[in-house]
Amino acid sequence: MIAYVVVEQTENESLRCALTKDLAANEGYDVDKLFDKAFANTMEKNAPVMTDMASMIMNMVSRDDCNPLEENFKVNQGENLYVLSNENGSMGASVLYYPDMQKRIADALDDNYYVLMSSQHEVILVPEKSGPNLDFLKSMVKEANETVVHPRDVLSDKVLKYDREKEKLYEPTGRERDGSDRGDR
């Protein structure tokens, strides 16, 4: 994670300055406290938003039912791709690391899921029961990063997996010991 100081905010963009550990330490700040405060501010000012890809593309997102931390949050059953970000759509990939977010997403999807870590502004979630294998998902995120995502916004070519039973987000590699990784069929 990277902390930013927002220097100026307009409706369409923000001017940010990265707050590095060296900069914080040089100014005499406790780095851990500073990053904890930055994360708390992020959660307070940037509510999570999750919607299915089809609704997002059709711009039919109702903000009332898009917060996975709200009790009334429901997913559109049968959808295969979901977008997780924040209300303003900027630097929204960090939403995945809000407290209880990964578990709440799994509960809403009623499934394990894959996370395509393509852009720093959002991540794509794919329920495991949707069926795409891990190699396909890896190639999908790599291609998107090379052709669609602006180079400065690329986060990673990685695909992560959330296991509901273990309550763990990790990078799957090859066939897992318990055989539960559907991505390697």
N, C-alpha and C. Protein backbone atom coordinates (compact mmCIF):
# COMPACT_ATOMS: atom_id res chain seq x y z
N MET A 1 0.84 -1.18 0.00
CA MET A 1 0.00 0.00 0.00
C MET A 1 0.88 1.24 0.00
N ILE A 2 0.36 2.27 -0.59
CA ILE A 2 1.05 3.55 -0.65
C ILE A 2 0.10 4.60 -0.08
N ALA A 3 0.60 5.45 0.78
CA ALA A 3 -0.19 6.57 1.30
C ALA A 3 0.06 7.79 0.43
N TYR A 4 -1.00 8.56 0.20
CA TYR A 4 -0.90 9.79 -0.57
C TYR A 4 -1.44 10.95 0.25
N VAL A 5 -0.87 12.10 0.02
CA VAL A 5 -1.42 13.34 0.54
C VAL A 5 -2.16 13.98 -0.62
N VAL A 6 -3.45 14.24 -0.46
CA VAL A 6 -4.21 14.89 -1.51
C VAL A 6 -3.95 16.39 -1.40
N VAL A 7 -3.31 16.93 -2.43
CA VAL A 7 -2.95 18.33 -2.45
C VAL A 7 -4.12 19.18 -2.95
N GLU A 8 -4.79 18.67 -3.98
CA GLU A 8 -5.95 19.37 -4.55
C GLU A 8 -6.91 18.35 -5.11
N GLN A 9 -8.20 18.59 -4.92
CA GLN A 9 -9.23 17.65 -5.39
C GLN A 9 -10.26 18.42 -6.21
N THR A 10 -10.50 17.97 -7.43
CA THR A 10 -11.59 18.52 -8.24
C THR A 10 -12.58 17.40 -8.48
N GLU A 11 -13.65 17.69 -9.18
CA GLU A 11 -14.66 16.67 -9.44
C GLU A 11 -14.12 15.51 -10.27
N ASN A 12 -13.22 15.79 -11.20
CA ASN A 12 -12.75 14.77 -12.12
C ASN A 12 -11.37 14.20 -11.82
N GLU A 13 -10.58 14.88 -11.01
CA GLU A 13 -9.25 14.36 -10.73
C GLU A 13 -8.71 14.93 -9.42
N SER A 14 -7.63 14.31 -8.98
CA SER A 14 -7.00 14.81 -7.77
C SER A 14 -5.49 14.89 -7.99
N LEU A 15 -4.89 15.86 -7.35
CA LEU A 15 -3.44 16.02 -7.37
C LEU A 15 -2.94 15.42 -6.05
N ARG A 16 -2.15 14.34 -6.16
CA ARG A 16 -1.68 13.62 -4.99
C ARG A 16 -0.16 13.59 -4.96
N CYS A 17 0.36 13.50 -3.76
CA CYS A 17 1.79 13.34 -3.55
C CYS A 17 2.00 12.08 -2.73
N ALA A 18 2.83 11.17 -3.23
CA ALA A 18 3.08 9.92 -2.50
C ALA A 18 3.84 10.24 -1.21
N LEU A 19 3.37 9.64 -0.14
CA LEU A 19 4.01 9.80 1.16
C LEU A 19 4.84 8.55 1.42
N THR A 20 6.14 8.69 1.25
CA THR A 20 7.03 7.54 1.42
C THR A 20 7.43 7.41 2.88
N LYS A 21 7.92 6.23 3.23
CA LYS A 21 8.41 6.01 4.59
C LYS A 21 9.58 6.94 4.90
N ASP A 22 10.47 7.12 3.93
CA ASP A 22 11.62 8.00 4.13
C ASP A 22 11.18 9.44 4.38
N LEU A 23 10.21 9.92 3.60
CA LEU A 23 9.72 11.29 3.77
C LEU A 23 9.10 11.46 5.15
N ALA A 24 8.27 10.49 5.56
CA ALA A 24 7.64 10.57 6.87
C ALA A 24 8.67 10.54 7.99
N ALA A 25 9.64 9.64 7.87
CA ALA A 25 10.68 9.53 8.90
C ALA A 25 11.53 10.80 8.97
N ASN A 26 11.86 11.36 7.81
CA ASN A 26 12.66 12.60 7.76
C ASN A 26 11.94 13.78 8.41
N GLU A 27 10.61 13.75 8.37
CA GLU A 27 9.82 14.83 8.97
C GLU A 27 9.50 14.55 10.44
N GLY A 28 10.00 13.40 10.95
CA GLY A 28 9.83 13.08 12.36
C GLY A 28 8.51 12.41 12.71
N TYR A 29 7.80 11.88 11.72
CA TYR A 29 6.52 11.21 11.98
C TYR A 29 6.74 9.74 12.30
N ASP A 30 5.90 9.19 13.15
CA ASP A 30 5.88 7.76 13.40
C ASP A 30 5.22 7.12 12.18
N VAL A 31 6.00 6.39 11.40
CA VAL A 31 5.54 5.85 10.13
C VAL A 31 4.31 4.95 10.30
N ASP A 32 4.34 4.06 11.28
CA ASP A 32 3.21 3.15 11.48
C ASP A 32 1.93 3.91 11.82
N LYS A 33 2.02 4.89 12.72
CA LYS A 33 0.83 5.68 13.10
C LYS A 33 0.32 6.48 11.91
N LEU A 34 1.24 7.01 11.12
CA LEU A 34 0.87 7.80 9.96
C LEU A 34 0.12 6.96 8.93
N PHE A 35 0.63 5.75 8.66
CA PHE A 35 -0.04 4.89 7.69
C PHE A 35 -1.37 4.36 8.24
N ASP A 36 -1.45 4.11 9.55
CA ASP A 36 -2.73 3.72 10.15
C ASP A 36 -3.76 4.82 9.98
N LYS A 37 -3.36 6.06 10.22
CA LYS A 37 -4.25 7.21 10.08
C LYS A 37 -4.66 7.39 8.61
N ALA A 38 -3.72 7.22 7.71
CA ALA A 38 -4.03 7.36 6.28
C ALA A 38 -5.06 6.31 5.86
N PHE A 39 -4.90 5.09 6.35
CA PHE A 39 -5.85 4.02 6.01
C PHE A 39 -7.23 4.32 6.60
N ALA A 40 -7.28 4.80 7.84
CA ALA A 40 -8.56 5.17 8.47
C ALA A 40 -9.23 6.29 7.68
N ASN A 41 -8.46 7.29 7.26
CA ASN A 41 -9.02 8.39 6.46
C ASN A 41 -9.56 7.87 5.13
N THR A 42 -8.83 6.96 4.52
CA THR A 42 -9.26 6.39 3.24
C THR A 42 -10.61 5.70 3.39
N MET A 43 -10.75 4.88 4.43
CA MET A 43 -12.02 4.16 4.64
C MET A 43 -13.17 5.13 4.92
N GLU A 44 -12.88 6.20 5.65
CA GLU A 44 -13.92 7.16 6.01
C GLU A 44 -14.38 7.96 4.79
N LYS A 45 -13.45 8.35 3.94
CA LYS A 45 -13.77 9.24 2.82
C LYS A 45 -14.10 8.51 1.52
N ASN A 46 -13.83 7.21 1.45
CA ASN A 46 -14.01 6.47 0.21
C ASN A 46 -14.76 5.18 0.45
N ALA A 47 -16.07 5.28 0.52
CA ALA A 47 -16.91 4.11 0.76
C ALA A 47 -16.74 3.09 -0.36
N PRO A 48 -16.77 1.79 -0.02
CA PRO A 48 -16.62 0.76 -1.05
C PRO A 48 -17.84 0.68 -1.96
N VAL A 49 -17.58 0.30 -3.20
CA VAL A 49 -18.63 0.09 -4.19
C VAL A 49 -18.31 -1.19 -4.94
N MET A 50 -19.29 -2.07 -5.03
CA MET A 50 -19.12 -3.31 -5.79
C MET A 50 -20.35 -3.49 -6.66
N THR A 51 -20.11 -3.75 -7.93
CA THR A 51 -21.24 -3.96 -8.84
C THR A 51 -20.84 -4.99 -9.88
N ASP A 52 -21.85 -5.59 -10.50
CA ASP A 52 -21.53 -6.54 -11.55
C ASP A 52 -21.10 -5.76 -12.79
N MET A 53 -20.26 -6.39 -13.58
CA MET A 53 -19.66 -5.74 -14.75
C MET A 53 -20.73 -5.27 -15.74
N ALA A 54 -21.75 -6.07 -15.96
CA ALA A 54 -22.79 -5.69 -16.94
C ALA A 54 -23.48 -4.39 -16.52
N SER A 55 -23.85 -4.27 -15.25
CA SER A 55 -24.49 -3.04 -14.78
C SER A 55 -23.56 -1.85 -14.87
N MET A 56 -22.28 -2.08 -14.58
CA MET A 56 -21.31 -0.99 -14.65
C MET A 56 -21.18 -0.50 -16.09
N ILE A 57 -21.08 -1.43 -17.02
CA ILE A 57 -20.95 -1.06 -18.43
C ILE A 57 -22.18 -0.31 -18.91
N MET A 58 -23.34 -0.76 -18.46
CA MET A 58 -24.59 -0.11 -18.85
C MET A 58 -24.86 1.14 -18.01
N ASN A 59 -23.95 1.43 -17.07
CA ASN A 59 -24.05 2.60 -16.20
C ASN A 59 -25.36 2.59 -15.41
N MET A 60 -25.73 1.40 -14.95
CA MET A 60 -26.99 1.24 -14.21
C MET A 60 -26.70 0.95 -12.74
N VAL A 61 -25.69 1.57 -12.19
CA VAL A 61 -25.30 1.31 -10.81
C VAL A 61 -26.12 2.17 -9.87
N SER A 62 -26.81 1.52 -8.95
CA SER A 62 -27.51 2.22 -7.89
C SER A 62 -26.62 2.23 -6.67
N ARG A 63 -26.17 3.39 -6.24
CA ARG A 63 -25.24 3.50 -5.11
C ARG A 63 -25.85 2.95 -3.82
N ASP A 64 -27.17 2.86 -3.74
CA ASP A 64 -27.81 2.41 -2.50
C ASP A 64 -27.48 0.96 -2.16
N ASP A 65 -27.29 0.11 -3.14
CA ASP A 65 -27.11 -1.32 -2.89
C ASP A 65 -25.72 -1.81 -3.28
N CYS A 66 -24.73 -0.93 -3.35
CA CYS A 66 -23.41 -1.31 -3.86
C CYS A 66 -22.33 -1.43 -2.80
N ASN A 67 -22.65 -1.26 -1.53
CA ASN A 67 -21.64 -1.30 -0.50
C ASN A 67 -21.60 -2.68 0.14
N PRO A 68 -20.56 -3.47 -0.12
CA PRO A 68 -20.50 -4.82 0.43
C PRO A 68 -20.41 -4.87 1.95
N LEU A 69 -20.20 -3.73 2.60
CA LEU A 69 -20.18 -3.72 4.05
C LEU A 69 -21.57 -3.48 4.65
N GLU A 70 -22.54 -3.15 3.82
CA GLU A 70 -23.90 -2.93 4.30
C GLU A 70 -24.65 -4.25 4.36
N GLU A 71 -25.53 -4.36 5.33
CA GLU A 71 -26.29 -5.60 5.52
C GLU A 71 -27.20 -5.94 4.34
N ASN A 72 -27.72 -4.92 3.65
CA ASN A 72 -28.66 -5.16 2.56
C ASN A 72 -27.98 -5.45 1.23
N PHE A 73 -26.64 -5.55 1.23
CA PHE A 73 -25.91 -5.77 -0.01
C PHE A 73 -26.20 -7.14 -0.59
N LYS A 74 -26.55 -7.18 -1.86
CA LYS A 74 -26.80 -8.43 -2.58
C LYS A 74 -26.13 -8.34 -3.94
N VAL A 75 -25.70 -9.48 -4.45
CA VAL A 75 -25.14 -9.51 -5.80
C VAL A 75 -26.21 -10.00 -6.75
N ASN A 76 -26.04 -9.68 -8.01
CA ASN A 76 -26.93 -10.20 -9.04
C ASN A 76 -26.50 -11.62 -9.35
N GLN A 77 -27.25 -12.57 -8.86
CA GLN A 77 -26.89 -13.97 -9.04
C GLN A 77 -26.76 -14.31 -10.52
N GLY A 78 -25.79 -15.13 -10.83
CA GLY A 78 -25.57 -15.54 -12.22
C GLY A 78 -24.54 -14.70 -12.94
N GLU A 79 -24.16 -13.58 -12.35
CA GLU A 79 -23.12 -12.75 -12.98
C GLU A 79 -21.77 -13.40 -12.77
N ASN A 80 -20.85 -13.15 -13.68
CA ASN A 80 -19.53 -13.77 -13.61
C ASN A 80 -18.40 -12.82 -13.25
N LEU A 81 -18.61 -11.54 -13.42
CA LEU A 81 -17.57 -10.55 -13.16
C LEU A 81 -18.14 -9.41 -12.33
N TYR A 82 -17.40 -9.01 -11.31
CA TYR A 82 -17.78 -7.89 -10.47
C TYR A 82 -16.62 -6.93 -10.37
N VAL A 83 -16.94 -5.65 -10.19
CA VAL A 83 -15.94 -4.62 -10.05
C VAL A 83 -16.02 -4.09 -8.62
N LEU A 84 -14.87 -4.04 -7.96
CA LEU A 84 -14.78 -3.50 -6.60
C LEU A 84 -13.91 -2.25 -6.65
N SER A 85 -14.44 -1.16 -6.14
CA SER A 85 -13.70 0.10 -6.11
C SER A 85 -14.23 0.93 -4.94
N ASN A 86 -14.10 2.24 -5.06
CA ASN A 86 -14.68 3.15 -4.08
C ASN A 86 -15.62 4.10 -4.81
N GLU A 87 -16.31 4.94 -4.06
CA GLU A 87 -17.32 5.82 -4.66
C GLU A 87 -16.79 6.73 -5.75
N ASN A 88 -15.58 7.22 -5.61
CA ASN A 88 -15.08 8.13 -6.64
C ASN A 88 -14.28 7.42 -7.73
N GLY A 89 -14.05 6.11 -7.58
CA GLY A 89 -13.39 5.34 -8.62
C GLY A 89 -11.90 5.62 -8.76
N SER A 90 -11.32 6.30 -7.79
CA SER A 90 -9.89 6.62 -7.85
C SER A 90 -9.17 5.90 -6.71
N MET A 91 -8.12 5.17 -7.06
CA MET A 91 -7.32 4.43 -6.08
C MET A 91 -8.19 3.43 -5.31
N GLY A 92 -9.15 2.85 -5.98
CA GLY A 92 -10.14 2.00 -5.33
C GLY A 92 -9.72 0.57 -5.06
N ALA A 93 -8.58 0.13 -5.58
CA ALA A 93 -8.15 -1.25 -5.32
C ALA A 93 -7.91 -1.49 -3.83
N SER A 94 -7.60 -0.43 -3.09
CA SER A 94 -7.33 -0.58 -1.66
C SER A 94 -8.57 -1.03 -0.89
N VAL A 95 -9.75 -0.86 -1.46
CA VAL A 95 -10.99 -1.27 -0.80
C VAL A 95 -10.94 -2.76 -0.44
N LEU A 96 -10.25 -3.55 -1.24
CA LEU A 96 -10.14 -4.99 -0.99
C LEU A 96 -9.56 -5.27 0.39
N TYR A 97 -8.79 -4.33 0.93
CA TYR A 97 -8.12 -4.53 2.21
C TYR A 97 -8.80 -3.82 3.38
N TYR A 98 -10.01 -3.27 3.16
CA TYR A 98 -10.78 -2.73 4.28
C TYR A 98 -11.10 -3.90 5.22
N PRO A 99 -11.22 -3.63 6.52
CA PRO A 99 -11.54 -4.71 7.46
C PRO A 99 -12.81 -5.46 7.07
N ASP A 100 -12.74 -6.77 7.10
CA ASP A 100 -13.85 -7.69 6.81
C ASP A 100 -14.31 -7.69 5.35
N MET A 101 -13.68 -6.89 4.49
CA MET A 101 -14.16 -6.78 3.10
C MET A 101 -14.09 -8.11 2.36
N GLN A 102 -12.98 -8.81 2.45
CA GLN A 102 -12.80 -10.05 1.70
C GLN A 102 -13.85 -11.09 2.11
N LYS A 103 -14.10 -11.20 3.39
CA LYS A 103 -15.11 -12.14 3.89
C LYS A 103 -16.51 -11.71 3.46
N ARG A 104 -16.81 -10.43 3.54
CA ARG A 104 -18.15 -9.93 3.15
C ARG A 104 -18.41 -10.19 1.67
N ILE A 105 -17.39 -10.03 0.85
CA ILE A 105 -17.54 -10.32 -0.58
C ILE A 105 -17.85 -11.80 -0.77
N ALA A 106 -17.10 -12.67 -0.11
CA ALA A 106 -17.33 -14.11 -0.23
C ALA A 106 -18.73 -14.48 0.24
N ASP A 107 -19.19 -13.84 1.31
CA ASP A 107 -20.55 -14.10 1.80
C ASP A 107 -21.59 -13.65 0.78
N ALA A 108 -21.38 -12.48 0.19
CA ALA A 108 -22.33 -11.96 -0.80
C ALA A 108 -22.35 -12.84 -2.05
N LEU A 109 -21.17 -13.32 -2.47
CA LEU A 109 -21.08 -14.18 -3.65
C LEU A 109 -21.45 -15.63 -3.33
N ASP A 110 -21.43 -15.97 -2.05
CA ASP A 110 -21.66 -17.33 -1.58
C ASP A 110 -20.70 -18.29 -2.27
N ASP A 111 -19.43 -17.87 -2.34
CA ASP A 111 -18.44 -18.66 -3.06
C ASP A 111 -17.03 -18.14 -2.77
N ASN A 112 -16.02 -18.97 -3.05
CA ASN A 112 -14.65 -18.50 -3.16
C ASN A 112 -14.61 -17.59 -4.39
N TYR A 113 -13.58 -16.78 -4.49
CA TYR A 113 -13.50 -15.92 -5.68
C TYR A 113 -12.05 -15.59 -6.01
N TYR A 114 -11.86 -15.22 -7.27
CA TYR A 114 -10.57 -14.76 -7.76
C TYR A 114 -10.59 -13.24 -7.83
N VAL A 115 -9.42 -12.63 -7.62
CA VAL A 115 -9.26 -11.18 -7.69
C VAL A 115 -8.24 -10.88 -8.77
N LEU A 116 -8.64 -10.16 -9.80
CA LEU A 116 -7.74 -9.72 -10.85
C LEU A 116 -7.24 -8.34 -10.45
N MET A 117 -5.95 -8.27 -10.13
CA MET A 117 -5.34 -7.08 -9.53
C MET A 117 -4.82 -6.11 -10.60
N SER A 118 -5.56 -5.89 -11.63
CA SER A 118 -5.10 -5.12 -12.77
C SER A 118 -4.82 -3.65 -12.48
N SER A 119 -5.79 -2.92 -12.01
CA SER A 119 -5.68 -1.48 -11.91
C SER A 119 -5.67 -1.00 -10.46
N GLN A 120 -4.94 0.07 -10.19
CA GLN A 120 -4.97 0.64 -8.86
C GLN A 120 -6.32 1.28 -8.54
N HIS A 121 -7.16 1.46 -9.53
CA HIS A 121 -8.45 2.11 -9.32
C HIS A 121 -9.59 1.14 -9.01
N GLU A 122 -9.45 -0.11 -9.41
CA GLU A 122 -10.45 -1.12 -9.10
C GLU A 122 -9.86 -2.50 -9.30
N VAL A 123 -10.52 -3.49 -8.73
CA VAL A 123 -10.14 -4.88 -8.97
C VAL A 123 -11.38 -5.59 -9.52
N ILE A 124 -11.13 -6.64 -10.28
CA ILE A 124 -12.21 -7.45 -10.85
C ILE A 124 -12.31 -8.72 -10.02
N LEU A 125 -13.52 -9.07 -9.64
CA LEU A 125 -13.78 -10.26 -8.84
C LEU A 125 -14.51 -11.28 -9.70
N VAL A 126 -14.07 -12.53 -9.63
CA VAL A 126 -14.66 -13.61 -10.42
C VAL A 126 -15.02 -14.75 -9.47
N PRO A 127 -16.31 -15.03 -9.27
CA PRO A 127 -16.68 -16.16 -8.41
C PRO A 127 -16.08 -17.46 -8.95
N GLU A 128 -15.60 -18.31 -8.05
CA GLU A 128 -14.98 -19.56 -8.47
C GLU A 128 -15.96 -20.41 -9.27
N LYS A 129 -17.24 -20.42 -8.88
CA LYS A 129 -18.21 -21.26 -9.57
C LYS A 129 -18.48 -20.80 -11.00
N SER A 130 -17.98 -19.60 -11.37
CA SER A 130 -18.14 -19.12 -12.75
C SER A 130 -17.38 -19.99 -13.74
N GLY A 131 -16.31 -20.63 -13.26
CA GLY A 131 -15.64 -21.63 -14.06
C GLY A 131 -14.37 -21.29 -14.81
N PRO A 132 -14.02 -20.00 -15.04
CA PRO A 132 -12.77 -19.78 -15.78
C PRO A 132 -11.58 -20.35 -15.01
N ASN A 133 -10.66 -20.97 -15.75
CA ASN A 133 -9.51 -21.53 -15.05
C ASN A 133 -8.48 -20.44 -14.78
N LEU A 134 -7.57 -20.75 -13.89
CA LEU A 134 -6.58 -19.79 -13.43
C LEU A 134 -5.71 -19.26 -14.56
N ASP A 135 -5.29 -20.14 -15.47
CA ASP A 135 -4.45 -19.70 -16.58
C ASP A 135 -5.19 -18.70 -17.46
N PHE A 136 -6.47 -18.94 -17.70
CA PHE A 136 -7.28 -18.01 -18.49
C PHE A 136 -7.36 -16.65 -17.80
N LEU A 137 -7.60 -16.65 -16.49
CA LEU A 137 -7.69 -15.39 -15.75
C LEU A 137 -6.37 -14.64 -15.77
N LYS A 138 -5.27 -15.36 -15.63
CA LYS A 138 -3.95 -14.72 -15.68
C LYS A 138 -3.71 -14.08 -17.05
N SER A 139 -4.07 -14.79 -18.10
CA SER A 139 -3.87 -14.22 -19.44
C SER A 139 -4.80 -13.03 -19.67
N MET A 140 -5.99 -13.09 -19.10
CA MET A 140 -6.96 -12.00 -19.24
C MET A 140 -6.43 -10.72 -18.59
N VAL A 141 -5.92 -10.82 -17.36
CA VAL A 141 -5.43 -9.62 -16.68
C VAL A 141 -4.16 -9.10 -17.35
N LYS A 142 -3.31 -9.99 -17.82
CA LYS A 142 -2.08 -9.57 -18.51
C LYS A 142 -2.41 -8.82 -19.80
N GLU A 143 -3.35 -9.36 -20.57
CA GLU A 143 -3.75 -8.70 -21.81
C GLU A 143 -4.39 -7.34 -21.54
N ALA A 144 -5.26 -7.27 -20.52
CA ALA A 144 -5.89 -5.99 -20.18
C ALA A 144 -4.84 -4.96 -19.79
N ASN A 145 -3.85 -5.39 -19.02
CA ASN A 145 -2.79 -4.46 -18.60
C ASN A 145 -1.96 -3.97 -19.78
N GLU A 146 -1.81 -4.81 -20.79
CA GLU A 146 -1.01 -4.43 -21.96
C GLU A 146 -1.80 -3.59 -22.97
N THR A 147 -3.13 -3.73 -22.99
CA THR A 147 -3.91 -3.09 -24.05
C THR A 147 -4.93 -2.06 -23.58
N VAL A 148 -5.41 -2.16 -22.34
CA VAL A 148 -6.52 -1.30 -21.90
C VAL A 148 -6.12 -0.36 -20.77
N VAL A 149 -5.46 -0.88 -19.76
CA VAL A 149 -5.13 -0.10 -18.57
C VAL A 149 -3.94 0.81 -18.86
N HIS A 150 -4.07 2.07 -18.49
CA HIS A 150 -2.97 3.01 -18.67
C HIS A 150 -1.77 2.52 -17.86
N PRO A 151 -0.55 2.58 -18.44
CA PRO A 151 0.63 2.06 -17.74
C PRO A 151 0.81 2.59 -16.31
N ARG A 152 0.48 3.85 -16.06
CA ARG A 152 0.66 4.39 -14.70
C ARG A 152 -0.38 3.84 -13.72
N ASP A 153 -1.45 3.22 -14.24
CA ASP A 153 -2.51 2.68 -13.38
C ASP A 153 -2.40 1.18 -13.15
N VAL A 154 -1.48 0.52 -13.87
CA VAL A 154 -1.33 -0.93 -13.72
C VAL A 154 -0.86 -1.24 -12.30
N LEU A 155 -1.56 -2.15 -11.67
CA LEU A 155 -1.20 -2.57 -10.32
C LEU A 155 -0.35 -3.82 -10.36
N SER A 156 -0.84 -4.84 -11.09
CA SER A 156 -0.13 -6.11 -11.13
C SER A 156 -0.77 -7.00 -12.18
N ASP A 157 -0.01 -7.99 -12.66
CA ASP A 157 -0.57 -9.03 -13.53
C ASP A 157 -1.06 -10.22 -12.70
N LYS A 158 -1.01 -10.11 -11.39
CA LYS A 158 -1.36 -11.22 -10.51
C LYS A 158 -2.86 -11.46 -10.43
N VAL A 159 -3.18 -12.73 -10.19
CA VAL A 159 -4.53 -13.15 -9.85
C VAL A 159 -4.45 -13.75 -8.46
N LEU A 160 -5.29 -13.27 -7.56
CA LEU A 160 -5.34 -13.80 -6.21
C LEU A 160 -6.62 -14.62 -6.04
N LYS A 161 -6.66 -15.42 -5.00
CA LYS A 161 -7.86 -16.22 -4.71
C LYS A 161 -8.22 -16.06 -3.24
N TYR A 162 -9.51 -15.90 -2.97
CA TYR A 162 -9.99 -15.88 -1.60
C TYR A 162 -10.67 -17.20 -1.31
N ASP A 163 -10.23 -17.86 -0.25
CA ASP A 163 -10.80 -19.13 0.19
C ASP A 163 -11.69 -18.84 1.40
N ARG A 164 -12.98 -19.07 1.25
CA ARG A 164 -13.95 -18.78 2.33
C ARG A 164 -13.68 -19.60 3.58
N GLU A 165 -13.38 -20.86 3.39
CA GLU A 165 -13.20 -21.75 4.54
C GLU A 165 -11.98 -21.33 5.37
N LYS A 166 -10.90 -20.99 4.68
CA LYS A 166 -9.67 -20.60 5.37
C LYS A 166 -9.65 -19.11 5.71
N GLU A 167 -10.60 -18.36 5.14
CA GLU A 167 -10.65 -16.90 5.28
C GLU A 167 -9.29 -16.30 4.95
N LYS A 168 -8.82 -16.65 3.75
CA LYS A 168 -7.47 -16.27 3.35
C LYS A 168 -7.44 -15.83 1.89
N LEU A 169 -6.74 -14.72 1.64
CA LEU A 169 -6.48 -14.24 0.29
C LEU A 169 -5.03 -14.57 -0.02
N TYR A 170 -4.80 -15.23 -1.15
CA TYR A 170 -3.44 -15.67 -1.49
C TYR A 170 -3.29 -15.77 -3.00
N GLU A 171 -2.05 -15.93 -3.44
CA GLU A 171 -1.77 -16.13 -4.86
C GLU A 171 -1.67 -17.62 -5.13
N PRO A 172 -2.64 -18.19 -5.85
CA PRO A 172 -2.58 -19.63 -6.12
C PRO A 172 -1.47 -19.95 -7.13
N THR A 173 -0.77 -21.03 -6.87
CA THR A 173 0.30 -21.45 -7.77
C THR A 173 0.17 -22.95 -7.99
N GLY A 174 -0.12 -23.34 -9.20
CA GLY A 174 -0.22 -24.76 -9.53
C GLY A 174 -1.32 -25.45 -8.74
N ARG A 175 -1.32 -26.76 -8.81
CA ARG A 175 -2.32 -27.54 -8.10
C ARG A 175 -2.09 -27.45 -6.60
N GLU A 176 -3.12 -27.07 -5.87
CA GLU A 176 -3.00 -26.95 -4.42
C GLU A 176 -3.19 -28.32 -3.77
N ARG A 177 -2.62 -28.48 -2.60
CA ARG A 177 -2.62 -29.78 -1.92
C ARG A 177 -3.99 -30.38 -1.72
N ASP A 178 -4.96 -29.52 -1.40
CA ASP A 178 -6.29 -30.09 -1.15
C ASP A 178 -7.10 -30.30 -2.41
N GLY A 179 -6.54 -29.94 -3.57
CA GLY A 179 -7.22 -30.15 -4.83
C GLY A 179 -8.39 -29.20 -5.08
N SER A 180 -8.55 -28.18 -4.24
CA SER A 180 -9.71 -27.31 -4.37
C SER A 180 -9.52 -26.22 -5.41
N ASP A 181 -8.33 -26.05 -5.97
CA ASP A 181 -8.11 -24.98 -6.93
C ASP A 181 -8.66 -25.40 -8.29
N ARG A 182 -9.81 -24.88 -8.61
CA ARG A 182 -10.46 -25.19 -9.87
C ARG A 182 -9.71 -24.63 -11.06
N GLY A 183 -8.77 -23.71 -10.79
CA GLY A 183 -8.04 -23.07 -11.87
C GLY A 183 -7.04 -23.96 -12.56
N ASP A 184 -6.79 -25.16 -12.05
CA ASP A 184 -5.77 -26.01 -12.65
C ASP A 184 -6.35 -27.29 -13.23
N ARG A 185 -7.54 -27.27 -13.66
CA ARG A 185 -8.15 -28.45 -14.27
C ARG A 185 -7.59 -28.70 -15.64
